[in-house]
Amino acid sequence: MHRPSYPGGQITAQKIKALTVALTLSHGKAATHKLLRELHLTDDDLTDETRLFPLPSLHKAIVLYEKLAGEGSLSTAAEKLVSIECIGAWARLLRGSQGPEEALSHQDGSESEYGRTTRWETVKAEPGTWVGTVHYAHDPQLEKDGRLRRFREAELSIVPTLFGFPRAAVTSVEAGISQTFTVTWAAAAPASVAAAMPVAGAAAFFATGYFAHSLGAGIVGALVGGALGYAGLRAMQNKVKLESEQDAQAMRVRALERSLQLRELRDDQGPLEGSVVAGQYRLVSRMGSGASGVIFEATRIGDDMPVAIKLLRAAAAHDVTASDRLRREAEALGLAWHPNVVEVYDHGHLADGTSYLVMELLRGDSLAARIHDRGPLTPDQVLPFALDIADALIAIHAAGVVHRDIKPSNVFLVTDDLLTPGAPAEKVKILDFGIARVEWEEMRITGTGIPLGTPGYMSPEQEQGGLVDGRSDLYAFGALVYECLYGEPPPKDESRRYRVTDIDRDSGVQRAAPQLTPLFRAFLDRALAKDPNERYQDARAMLTQLRVLAGSGTTEATVG
């Protein structure tokens, strides 16, 4: 009897790659090589987790994996789907999704239209619950042993973790050539600890109140004591929730960045050196790259002036967020002109839609690299840099711009012959206005409640995703000065304020931290205040205090 012919179906390499990552961790590299040999694959074949493979290869990989790792190990392997080696394949599912229910509803769009044999249909989507059905057109024999269905269950359970929630519970029902999955997760609190807080808070209320009453505090004292206990637990709940949301945001950013890197590898059209960009800039050499952009040294054809030009990667050229950030950087730099801010000469779009930004060419190194290579600086070494940065922040804030990412890696120390003769040996330049806030502009790149910036330098209000003003930059500036002196960002307690008692400790990075004078200590204490109203209220006030420090002659470390 003639056996009916079915389309083969395709899946991303991410799924097989997660199995190999888990197998390597549990059974070593030899076991992984054995699995790959059976599949007729090599490690290099799985480098790009978004690459397509035949669906039967996944089924065979699951059979081999369970044979080597044991029955019931599939759920553990699925956790590796969000490992750094596999995370790039989630980008299509995450783009535009605000929560697990939205991401799960994008299941159909997460698969390639080429060779697709599955069609997902969302039945129900709400916070904490998603129900969906997958209809398949490939060989039913691949589904007969339930392995692919169990892998889908495990994969669906991982999706809420991308948004800071615990792993979901998943059940499924099979009917003919379709499978219906019910996914449930604790939507009320993005962490298991936080989920238990309301109950613990109630217990704390009554327990604290009881002990207060028994000690003679009276009914009112008991109620106040109980309320304080409950408030403390609520604060802990908020802290856990915030940290969980930040971790989830970082994971989604890593997925999108990894996706862009992989797509650039596929879209790479060879070296660009020697080509002319925007009709007037000839690319000379590649200087560096990031998740979405590549920076080249170039010359302006009209006068041979050396410039630096940032181009969006081919994969990111039409990405709204990436384009907005480059445009925002150009506009913020144009508004915030200052000798200590990198100068922008030109920006626009090429014929193929690629965005570009032309800036002055800088030679030297970042302040972060200086600290890493030479260790912490003395107060007298820090002050010249600090004075220039504070002066630049006055101009930046006066232009209605908040940088939002002041840190050592975004401060460049120019140390080449482009400097004016007779000028100081090094000149400070503030870089990277890609997430700057421009007062009068629509905030397209941000989402309410989502913090933008770098942990360790963000002010408390910025970490909480609230509105920020120039005082948030001043907090980050204080953290930068601290890192210059001690080799690492300031430590924080639960109040998200640096601990004064740690000022005198050895940072353990390069050498013993210097002992600061009371005047310098007071400067840091005010700059890093938790409450923005307790900080310097503008960069000019901060600059004034720095000049007092510079003129006091007491900035050198004291002994004893």
Protein backbone atom coordinates (compact mmCIF):
# COMPACT_ATOMS: atom_id res chain seq x y z
CA MET A 1 0.00 0.00 0.00
CA HIS A 2 1.34 3.44 -0.93
CA ARG A 3 2.23 5.52 2.14
CA PRO A 4 0.92 9.10 1.94
CA SER A 5 3.50 11.86 1.45
CA TYR A 6 3.73 14.67 4.02
CA PRO A 7 5.71 17.92 4.11
CA GLY A 8 8.75 17.54 6.34
CA GLY A 9 8.38 20.59 8.55
CA GLN A 10 11.13 22.80 9.98
CA ILE A 11 12.31 24.02 13.39
CA THR A 12 15.04 26.40 14.57
CA ALA A 13 18.43 25.08 15.66
CA GLN A 14 17.70 26.60 19.09
CA LYS A 15 15.70 23.54 20.10
CA ILE A 16 18.45 21.04 19.24
CA LYS A 17 21.09 23.39 20.65
CA ALA A 18 19.30 23.52 24.02
CA LEU A 19 19.48 19.73 24.19
CA THR A 20 23.24 19.75 23.50
CA VAL A 21 23.87 22.49 26.08
CA ALA A 22 21.98 20.53 28.74
CA LEU A 23 23.68 17.26 27.78
CA THR A 24 27.15 18.82 27.97
CA LEU A 25 26.44 20.11 31.47
CA SER A 26 25.05 16.83 32.74
CA HIS A 27 27.12 14.22 30.87
CA GLY A 28 30.08 16.02 29.34
CA LYS A 29 31.21 16.92 25.87
CA ALA A 30 31.72 13.32 24.76
CA ALA A 31 28.01 12.58 25.14
CA THR A 32 27.16 15.68 23.13
CA HIS A 33 29.52 14.67 20.33
CA LYS A 34 27.89 11.27 20.26
CA LEU A 35 24.44 12.84 19.85
CA LEU A 36 25.66 15.16 17.10
CA ARG A 37 27.32 12.29 15.20
CA GLU A 38 24.01 10.41 15.20
CA LEU A 39 22.34 13.51 13.77
CA HIS A 40 25.15 14.02 11.22
CA LEU A 41 25.80 17.49 12.66
CA THR A 42 28.76 19.38 14.11
CA ASP A 43 29.02 22.12 16.73
CA ASP A 44 29.43 24.68 13.95
CA ASP A 45 26.06 23.70 12.50
CA LEU A 46 24.40 24.94 15.69
CA THR A 47 26.32 28.22 16.07
CA ASP A 48 23.35 30.19 14.73
CA GLU A 49 20.38 29.15 16.84
CA THR A 50 17.95 30.74 14.38
CA ARG A 51 19.07 28.47 11.53
CA LEU A 52 16.38 26.09 10.23
CA PHE A 53 16.56 22.30 10.51
CA PRO A 54 14.13 19.55 9.48
CA LEU A 55 11.52 18.70 12.10
CA PRO A 56 12.48 15.00 12.04
CA SER A 57 15.96 16.04 13.25
CA LEU A 58 14.41 17.46 16.44
CA HIS A 59 12.42 14.29 17.02
CA LYS A 60 15.53 12.15 16.57
CA ALA A 61 17.52 14.50 18.83
CA ILE A 62 14.92 14.14 21.60
CA VAL A 63 15.03 10.33 21.29
CA LEU A 64 18.83 10.33 21.50
CA TYR A 65 18.88 12.89 24.33
CA GLU A 66 16.47 10.92 26.51
CA LYS A 67 18.44 7.75 25.79
CA LEU A 68 21.63 9.42 27.05
CA ALA A 69 20.20 11.66 29.80
CA GLY A 70 17.24 9.53 30.90
CA GLU A 71 13.48 9.75 30.73
CA GLY A 72 12.05 12.89 32.33
CA SER A 73 15.11 15.00 31.50
CA LEU A 74 13.39 16.93 28.73
CA SER A 75 11.97 19.53 31.12
CA THR A 76 15.45 20.34 32.44
CA ALA A 77 16.82 20.65 28.91
CA ALA A 78 14.09 23.14 28.03
CA GLU A 79 15.50 25.55 30.62
CA LYS A 80 18.54 25.93 28.35
CA LEU A 81 16.30 27.53 25.72
CA VAL A 82 16.90 30.82 27.54
CA SER A 83 20.65 30.30 27.98
CA ILE A 84 22.96 32.80 26.33
CA GLU A 85 23.82 30.22 23.63
CA CYS A 86 20.19 29.82 22.59
CA ILE A 87 18.48 33.10 23.42
CA GLY A 88 18.65 34.73 19.97
CA ALA A 89 15.78 32.66 18.59
CA TRP A 90 13.34 34.27 21.03
CA ALA A 91 13.64 37.71 19.42
CA ARG A 92 10.72 37.30 17.00
CA LEU A 93 8.47 36.14 19.82
CA LEU A 94 9.50 38.98 22.14
CA ARG A 95 9.41 41.91 19.74
CA GLY A 96 6.34 43.98 20.58
CA SER A 97 5.22 41.70 23.43
CA GLN A 98 4.47 43.32 26.78
CA GLY A 99 3.79 40.10 28.68
CA PRO A 100 3.76 36.29 28.44
CA GLU A 101 0.19 36.16 27.09
CA GLU A 102 1.14 38.42 24.17
CA ALA A 103 4.35 36.51 23.43
CA LEU A 104 2.53 33.19 23.49
CA SER A 105 -0.05 34.63 21.10
CA HIS A 106 2.80 35.32 18.66
CA GLN A 107 3.68 31.63 18.40
CA ASP A 108 2.63 31.50 14.78
CA GLY A 109 4.90 34.40 13.87
CA SER A 110 7.89 32.83 15.64
CA GLU A 111 8.25 30.12 13.02
CA SER A 112 9.60 30.43 9.51
CA GLU A 113 7.00 30.69 6.77
CA TYR A 114 9.19 28.38 4.70
CA GLY A 115 8.57 24.70 5.38
CA ARG A 116 6.01 25.49 8.08
CA THR A 117 3.78 22.56 8.93
CA THR A 118 2.22 23.96 12.11
CA ARG A 119 -0.39 26.66 12.60
CA TRP A 120 -0.99 28.13 16.04
CA GLU A 121 -4.36 29.51 17.10
CA THR A 122 -4.88 31.48 20.31
CA VAL A 123 -8.03 30.44 22.16
CA LYS A 124 -7.61 32.53 25.30
CA ALA A 125 -5.02 35.11 26.39
CA GLU A 126 -5.09 37.01 29.67
CA PRO A 127 -2.64 37.73 32.49
CA GLY A 128 -1.75 34.41 34.08
CA THR A 129 -3.42 32.19 31.46
CA TRP A 130 -2.98 31.34 27.82
CA VAL A 131 -4.74 28.62 25.86
CA GLY A 132 -3.73 27.80 22.31
CA THR A 133 -4.08 25.07 19.72
CA VAL A 134 -1.47 23.91 17.25
CA HIS A 135 -2.62 22.22 14.03
CA TYR A 136 0.03 20.24 12.15
CA ALA A 137 0.32 18.98 8.58
CA HIS A 138 3.52 16.93 8.85
CA ASP A 139 3.75 13.15 9.25
CA PRO A 140 1.52 12.14 12.21
CA GLN A 141 4.04 9.40 13.02
CA LEU A 142 6.38 12.10 14.34
CA GLU A 143 3.72 12.97 16.94
CA LYS A 144 2.71 9.43 17.80
CA ASP A 145 5.13 8.87 20.72
CA GLY A 146 4.31 12.25 22.30
CA ARG A 147 7.91 13.49 22.39
CA LEU A 148 7.31 16.57 20.25
CA ARG A 149 4.18 17.41 22.26
CA ARG A 150 6.13 17.12 25.53
CA PHE A 151 8.85 19.35 24.11
CA ARG A 152 6.22 21.93 23.17
CA GLU A 153 4.89 21.80 26.72
CA ALA A 154 8.36 22.39 28.13
CA GLU A 155 9.05 25.20 25.66
CA LEU A 156 5.76 26.98 26.40
CA SER A 157 6.47 26.76 30.14
CA ILE A 158 9.65 28.78 29.64
CA VAL A 159 8.01 31.83 28.01
CA PRO A 160 6.85 33.55 31.28
CA THR A 161 10.44 33.44 32.59
CA LEU A 162 11.38 35.86 29.82
CA PHE A 163 9.19 38.42 31.60
CA GLY A 164 10.36 37.78 35.17
CA PHE A 165 7.67 35.28 36.16
CA PRO A 166 8.21 31.75 37.48
CA ARG A 167 8.09 28.90 35.01
CA ALA A 168 4.53 28.07 33.96
CA ALA A 169 2.48 24.92 34.41
CA VAL A 170 1.39 23.43 31.09
CA THR A 171 -1.17 20.75 30.24
CA SER A 172 -2.14 19.51 26.81
CA VAL A 173 -4.86 17.56 25.06
CA GLU A 174 -4.44 15.88 21.67
CA ALA A 175 -7.29 15.54 19.17
CA GLY A 176 -6.57 14.24 15.70
CA ILE A 177 -3.97 16.43 14.06
CA SER A 178 -4.12 19.18 16.66
CA GLN A 179 -2.95 19.71 20.22
CA THR A 180 -4.39 22.21 22.69
CA PHE A 181 -2.13 23.62 25.42
CA THR A 182 -3.17 25.41 28.60
CA VAL A 183 -0.40 27.55 30.12
CA THR A 184 -0.83 29.08 33.59
CA TRP A 185 1.60 31.15 35.63
CA ALA A 186 1.55 33.35 38.74
CA ALA A 187 0.76 36.66 37.06
CA ALA A 188 0.17 38.62 40.27
CA ALA A 189 3.85 38.74 41.31
CA PRO A 190 6.87 38.14 39.04
CA ALA A 191 8.71 36.09 41.64
CA SER A 192 7.79 33.18 43.84
CA VAL A 193 9.02 34.99 46.93
CA ALA A 194 6.93 38.04 46.12
CA ALA A 195 3.90 35.85 45.54
CA ALA A 196 4.04 34.70 49.15
CA MET A 197 4.43 38.20 50.56
CA PRO A 198 0.75 39.12 51.10
CA VAL A 199 0.24 36.08 53.32
CA ALA A 200 3.48 36.73 55.16
CA GLY A 201 2.49 40.39 55.51
CA ALA A 202 -0.80 39.50 57.15
CA ALA A 203 0.97 37.17 59.55
CA ALA A 204 3.50 39.88 60.34
CA PHE A 205 0.71 42.36 61.00
CA PHE A 206 -0.96 40.22 63.63
CA ALA A 207 2.25 38.85 65.10
CA THR A 208 3.89 42.25 65.51
CA GLY A 209 0.67 43.69 66.84
CA TYR A 210 0.30 40.87 69.36
CA PHE A 211 3.78 41.30 70.78
CA ALA A 212 3.40 45.06 70.94
CA HIS A 213 0.14 44.66 72.85
CA SER A 214 1.58 42.06 75.21
CA LEU A 215 4.42 44.43 76.07
CA GLY A 216 1.96 47.06 77.16
CA ALA A 217 1.95 49.26 74.08
CA GLY A 218 -1.81 49.21 73.95
CA ILE A 219 -4.20 48.57 71.11
CA VAL A 220 -3.05 51.59 69.09
CA GLY A 221 0.60 50.63 69.47
CA ALA A 222 -0.22 47.10 68.45
CA LEU A 223 -1.94 48.30 65.30
CA VAL A 224 0.92 50.68 64.45
CA GLY A 225 3.51 47.97 65.07
CA GLY A 226 1.58 45.51 62.97
CA ALA A 227 1.21 48.04 60.17
CA LEU A 228 4.94 48.73 60.20
CA GLY A 229 5.67 45.02 59.97
CA TYR A 230 3.33 44.64 57.06
CA ALA A 231 4.76 47.75 55.35
CA GLY A 232 8.26 46.29 55.64
CA LEU A 233 7.18 43.11 53.94
CA ARG A 234 5.40 45.09 51.23
CA ALA A 235 8.63 47.02 50.63
CA MET A 236 10.46 43.71 50.32
CA GLN A 237 7.83 42.54 47.84
CA ASN A 238 8.33 45.67 45.74
CA LYS A 239 12.10 45.19 45.85
CA VAL A 240 11.82 41.58 44.66
CA LYS A 241 9.40 42.62 41.93
CA LEU A 242 11.67 45.42 40.72
CA GLU A 243 14.75 43.20 40.61
CA SER A 244 12.80 40.52 38.78
CA GLU A 245 11.53 43.03 36.21
CA GLN A 246 15.06 44.34 35.66
CA ASP A 247 16.40 40.81 35.15
CA ALA A 248 13.60 40.08 32.69
CA GLN A 249 14.26 43.32 30.79
CA ALA A 250 17.97 42.47 30.59
CA MET A 251 17.14 39.00 29.26
CA ARG A 252 14.88 40.41 26.53
CA VAL A 253 17.57 42.92 25.54
CA ARG A 254 20.13 40.10 25.29
CA ALA A 255 17.75 38.16 23.05
CA LEU A 256 17.26 41.10 20.70
CA GLU A 257 20.98 41.93 20.63
CA ARG A 258 21.92 38.31 19.96
CA SER A 259 19.35 38.17 17.16
CA LEU A 260 20.82 41.25 15.52
CA GLN A 261 24.34 39.81 15.74
CA LEU A 262 23.26 36.57 14.12
CA ARG A 263 21.35 38.32 11.37
CA GLU A 264 24.34 40.52 10.61
CA LEU A 265 26.50 37.43 10.15
CA ARG A 266 24.02 36.14 7.57
CA ASP A 267 23.56 39.51 5.88
CA ASP A 268 27.24 40.45 5.81
CA GLN A 269 28.13 41.50 2.27
CA GLY A 270 31.88 41.65 2.77
CA PRO A 271 34.25 44.47 3.81
CA LEU A 272 32.99 48.03 3.38
CA GLU A 273 36.40 49.73 3.59
CA GLY A 274 36.99 52.01 0.62
CA SER A 275 33.31 52.53 -0.17
CA VAL A 276 31.64 55.96 -0.07
CA VAL A 277 28.75 56.58 2.31
CA ALA A 278 26.14 59.30 1.77
CA GLY A 279 28.12 60.54 -1.22
CA GLN A 280 30.78 62.29 0.86
CA TYR A 281 32.39 59.97 3.42
CA ARG A 282 34.94 57.34 2.36
CA LEU A 283 35.25 54.48 4.88
CA VAL A 284 38.85 53.83 5.90
CA SER A 285 38.81 51.13 8.59
CA ARG A 286 36.47 49.49 11.04
CA MET A 287 36.97 50.79 14.58
CA GLY A 288 34.49 48.75 16.58
CA SER A 289 30.95 47.47 16.82
CA GLY A 290 28.05 47.00 19.19
CA ALA A 291 24.77 45.11 19.19
CA SER A 292 23.18 47.26 16.49
CA GLY A 293 25.89 49.52 15.09
CA VAL A 294 29.32 49.45 13.46
CA ILE A 295 31.72 52.39 13.74
CA PHE A 296 34.20 53.20 10.97
CA GLU A 297 36.99 55.68 10.66
CA ALA A 298 36.31 57.69 7.51
CA THR A 299 37.40 60.83 5.67
CA ARG A 300 35.17 63.59 4.39
CA ILE A 301 35.85 63.67 0.66
CA GLY A 302 35.53 67.46 0.37
CA ASP A 303 38.40 68.34 2.71
CA ASP A 304 39.92 65.01 3.83
CA MET A 305 38.88 65.70 7.41
CA PRO A 306 38.97 62.50 9.52
CA VAL A 307 35.61 61.56 11.02
CA ALA A 308 33.93 58.63 12.74
CA ILE A 309 30.75 57.27 11.19
CA LYS A 310 28.30 54.97 12.93
CA LEU A 311 26.18 52.76 10.68
CA LEU A 312 23.28 50.59 11.79
CA ARG A 313 23.93 46.95 11.02
CA ALA A 314 22.12 45.60 7.98
CA ALA A 315 19.80 43.58 10.20
CA ALA A 316 18.89 46.61 12.30
CA ALA A 317 18.54 49.17 9.53
CA HIS A 318 14.73 48.97 9.51
CA ASP A 319 14.30 48.29 13.23
CA VAL A 320 12.23 51.16 14.66
CA THR A 321 13.87 51.12 18.10
CA ALA A 322 17.43 51.03 16.73
CA SER A 323 16.69 53.80 14.21
CA ASP A 324 15.04 55.94 16.88
CA ARG A 325 18.04 55.58 19.16
CA LEU A 326 20.48 56.67 16.48
CA ARG A 327 18.24 59.61 15.55
CA ARG A 328 17.88 60.52 19.23
CA GLU A 329 21.65 60.40 19.67
CA ALA A 330 22.14 62.74 16.71
CA GLU A 331 19.52 65.22 17.95
CA ALA A 332 20.75 65.18 21.54
CA LEU A 333 24.36 65.74 20.43
CA GLY A 334 23.27 68.59 18.18
CA LEU A 335 21.44 70.27 21.07
CA ALA A 336 24.09 69.68 23.72
CA TRP A 337 27.13 71.21 22.03
CA HIS A 338 30.08 71.62 24.39
CA PRO A 339 33.87 71.16 24.08
CA ASN A 340 33.59 68.11 26.36
CA VAL A 341 30.77 66.44 24.38
CA VAL A 342 31.56 64.51 21.21
CA GLU A 343 30.61 66.66 18.24
CA VAL A 344 28.14 65.47 15.60
CA TYR A 345 28.60 66.65 12.02
CA ASP A 346 25.88 64.89 10.06
CA HIS A 347 23.20 62.21 10.22
CA GLY A 348 20.56 60.73 7.95
CA HIS A 349 19.51 57.65 6.00
CA LEU A 350 21.11 55.89 3.06
CA ALA A 351 19.17 54.76 -0.02
CA ASP A 352 18.68 51.27 1.45
CA GLY A 353 17.23 52.71 4.67
CA THR A 354 20.40 52.31 6.76
CA SER A 355 20.78 55.09 9.34
CA TYR A 356 24.13 56.79 9.84
CA LEU A 357 25.68 59.26 12.25
CA VAL A 358 28.89 61.20 11.54
CA MET A 359 30.92 62.42 14.54
CA GLU A 360 34.33 63.84 15.28
CA LEU A 361 37.07 61.21 15.28
CA LEU A 362 38.52 60.61 18.75
CA ARG A 363 41.72 58.80 19.56
CA GLY A 364 42.49 57.63 23.04
CA ASP A 365 40.62 55.37 25.45
CA SER A 366 37.60 55.32 27.68
CA LEU A 367 37.75 56.21 31.36
CA ALA A 368 36.59 52.65 32.12
CA ALA A 369 39.61 51.24 30.26
CA ARG A 370 41.90 53.64 32.15
CA ILE A 371 40.57 52.41 35.50
CA HIS A 372 40.81 48.78 34.39
CA ASP A 373 44.38 49.11 33.08
CA ARG A 374 45.90 51.36 35.73
CA GLY A 375 43.70 50.87 38.74
CA PRO A 376 41.82 53.47 40.81
CA LEU A 377 42.85 57.12 40.54
CA THR A 378 43.86 59.54 43.28
CA PRO A 379 41.52 62.43 44.10
CA ASP A 380 43.86 64.89 42.38
CA GLN A 381 43.82 62.73 39.23
CA VAL A 382 40.02 62.52 39.29
CA LEU A 383 39.25 66.20 39.77
CA PRO A 384 40.31 67.49 36.31
CA PHE A 385 38.04 64.90 34.65
CA ALA A 386 35.22 65.61 37.09
CA LEU A 387 35.38 69.37 36.49
CA ASP A 388 35.09 68.90 32.72
CA ILE A 389 32.21 66.42 33.01
CA ALA A 390 30.27 68.68 35.39
CA ASP A 391 30.79 71.63 33.04
CA ALA A 392 29.51 69.53 30.12
CA LEU A 393 26.45 68.42 32.11
CA ILE A 394 25.50 72.08 32.60
CA ALA A 395 25.30 72.50 28.82
CA ILE A 396 23.57 69.16 28.29
CA HIS A 397 20.84 69.89 30.83
CA ALA A 398 20.44 73.50 29.64
CA ALA A 399 19.62 72.07 26.20
CA GLY A 400 16.77 70.05 27.70
CA VAL A 401 18.65 66.74 27.45
CA VAL A 402 19.11 64.12 30.18
CA HIS A 403 21.85 61.66 29.25
CA ARG A 404 20.61 58.76 31.46
CA ASP A 405 23.74 56.65 30.98
CA ILE A 406 26.66 58.54 32.52
CA LYS A 407 29.34 55.96 33.36
CA PRO A 408 33.11 55.50 32.84
CA SER A 409 32.71 53.61 29.55
CA ASN A 410 30.80 56.60 28.10
CA VAL A 411 33.55 59.06 29.02
CA PHE A 412 36.40 59.18 26.51
CA LEU A 413 39.90 60.51 27.21
CA VAL A 414 41.32 62.03 24.03
CA THR A 415 45.09 61.60 23.96
CA ASP A 416 46.27 62.26 20.40
CA ASP A 417 47.79 65.00 18.24
CA LEU A 418 44.35 66.32 17.32
CA LEU A 419 44.43 68.29 20.57
CA THR A 420 45.23 71.99 20.45
CA PRO A 421 48.94 72.69 21.10
CA GLY A 422 49.46 73.77 24.67
CA ALA A 423 46.22 72.15 25.85
CA PRO A 424 46.13 69.55 28.66
CA ALA A 425 47.51 66.12 27.76
CA GLU A 426 44.02 64.62 27.88
CA LYS A 427 40.61 65.99 27.04
CA VAL A 428 37.31 64.55 28.26
CA LYS A 429 34.50 63.77 25.82
CA ILE A 430 31.07 62.45 26.85
CA LEU A 431 29.72 59.83 24.43
CA ASP A 432 26.63 57.74 23.66
CA PHE A 433 23.39 59.69 23.88
CA GLY A 434 21.42 56.74 22.49
CA ILE A 435 18.99 56.59 25.43
CA ALA A 436 19.04 60.30 26.24
CA ARG A 437 15.78 61.95 27.22
CA VAL A 438 14.91 65.06 25.22
CA GLU A 439 12.31 67.11 27.10
CA TRP A 440 10.17 68.16 24.17
CA GLU A 441 10.24 64.95 22.16
CA GLU A 442 7.86 62.00 22.08
CA MET A 443 9.39 59.11 24.06
CA ARG A 444 9.04 56.37 21.44
CA ILE A 445 11.92 54.21 22.64
CA THR A 446 10.78 53.91 26.22
CA GLY A 447 7.96 52.09 27.90
CA THR A 448 6.30 53.25 31.10
CA GLY A 449 7.88 51.65 34.11
CA ILE A 450 10.80 50.15 32.17
CA PRO A 451 14.17 51.45 33.44
CA LEU A 452 16.73 52.47 30.83
CA GLY A 453 20.36 52.79 31.85
CA THR A 454 23.15 50.76 33.41
CA PRO A 455 22.68 49.07 36.82
CA GLY A 456 25.17 50.42 39.33
CA TYR A 457 24.93 53.97 37.97
CA MET A 458 21.16 54.52 37.75
CA SER A 459 19.55 56.65 40.43
CA PRO A 460 16.81 55.02 42.54
CA GLU A 461 14.08 56.82 40.59
CA GLN A 462 15.62 55.69 37.30
CA GLU A 463 15.88 52.08 38.48
CA GLN A 464 12.18 52.17 39.30
CA GLY A 465 11.31 53.23 35.75
CA GLY A 466 10.02 56.64 36.82
CA LEU A 467 10.48 60.02 35.18
CA VAL A 468 14.00 61.39 35.54
CA ASP A 469 15.56 64.82 35.31
CA GLY A 470 19.09 66.18 35.43
CA ARG A 471 19.51 65.13 39.05
CA SER A 472 19.54 61.51 37.91
CA ASP A 473 22.61 62.28 35.77
CA LEU A 474 24.20 63.88 38.82
CA TYR A 475 23.67 60.67 40.80
CA ALA A 476 25.34 58.68 37.99
CA PHE A 477 28.16 61.24 37.93
CA GLY A 478 28.68 60.68 41.66
CA ALA A 479 28.85 56.91 41.03
CA LEU A 480 31.40 57.55 38.27
CA VAL A 481 33.61 59.61 40.62
CA TYR A 482 33.32 56.88 43.24
CA GLU A 483 34.42 54.23 40.72
CA CYS A 484 37.38 56.36 39.67
CA LEU A 485 38.52 56.40 43.30
CA TYR A 486 37.72 52.81 44.28
CA GLY A 487 37.74 50.78 41.07
CA GLU A 488 34.10 49.70 41.22
CA PRO A 489 30.64 51.30 41.43
CA PRO A 490 29.42 52.21 44.92
CA PRO A 491 27.87 49.37 46.94
CA LYS A 492 24.22 49.79 47.83
CA ASP A 493 22.08 48.69 50.70
CA GLU A 494 18.36 47.97 50.44
CA SER A 495 17.63 51.70 50.42
CA ARG A 496 19.63 51.86 47.14
CA ARG A 497 22.05 54.36 48.61
CA TYR A 498 25.76 53.79 48.94
CA ARG A 499 27.02 52.90 52.39
CA VAL A 500 29.22 55.59 53.91
CA THR A 501 30.93 53.00 56.10
CA ASP A 502 32.23 51.25 52.99
CA ILE A 503 34.09 54.37 51.84
CA ASP A 504 37.18 53.30 53.78
CA ARG A 505 37.21 49.66 52.81
CA ASP A 506 39.57 48.02 50.32
CA SER A 507 37.65 47.62 47.07
CA GLY A 508 39.77 44.57 46.23
CA VAL A 509 40.02 45.60 42.59
CA GLN A 510 43.50 46.99 42.03
CA ARG A 511 44.83 48.40 45.26
CA ALA A 512 43.67 49.70 48.65
CA ALA A 513 41.09 52.45 48.33
CA PRO A 514 42.29 55.92 49.34
CA GLN A 515 41.12 57.53 52.55
CA LEU A 516 39.03 60.57 51.59
CA THR A 517 38.99 63.91 53.31
CA PRO A 518 35.73 64.90 55.05
CA LEU A 519 35.12 67.51 52.32
CA PHE A 520 35.38 64.97 49.51
CA ARG A 521 33.35 62.47 51.51
CA ALA A 522 30.58 65.06 51.92
CA PHE A 523 30.61 65.68 48.15
CA LEU A 524 30.02 61.98 47.41
CA ASP A 525 27.45 61.68 50.17
CA ARG A 526 25.33 64.42 48.64
CA ALA A 527 25.83 63.33 45.03
CA LEU A 528 24.68 59.80 45.83
CA ALA A 529 21.71 60.71 48.02
CA LYS A 530 18.72 58.40 47.57
CA ASP A 531 16.26 61.29 47.54
CA PRO A 532 16.82 63.57 44.51
CA ASN A 533 15.84 66.55 46.65
CA GLU A 534 18.86 65.86 48.88
CA ARG A 535 21.33 65.85 45.97
CA TYR A 536 22.88 68.81 44.21
CA GLN A 537 19.93 70.37 42.41
CA ASP A 538 21.82 71.13 39.22
CA ALA A 539 25.17 70.55 37.60
CA ARG A 540 26.27 74.12 38.27
CA ALA A 541 26.00 73.60 42.03
CA MET A 542 27.99 70.39 41.70
CA LEU A 543 30.66 72.15 39.61
CA THR A 544 30.92 74.88 42.26
CA GLN A 545 31.60 72.29 44.96
CA LEU A 546 34.17 70.52 42.78
CA ARG A 547 36.00 73.81 42.33
CA VAL A 548 36.02 74.23 46.10
CA LEU A 549 37.60 70.78 46.37
CA ALA A 550 40.15 71.60 43.69
CA GLY A 551 41.10 74.84 45.38
CA SER A 552 41.13 73.53 48.94
CA GLY A 553 44.45 71.73 48.59
CA THR A 554 43.09 68.96 50.82
CA THR A 555 42.00 66.41 48.25
CA GLU A 556 44.98 64.11 48.58
CA ALA A 557 44.44 60.92 50.58
CA THR A 558 45.06 61.19 54.29
CA VAL A 559 46.87 58.58 56.29
CA GLY A 560 45.54 56.82 59.36
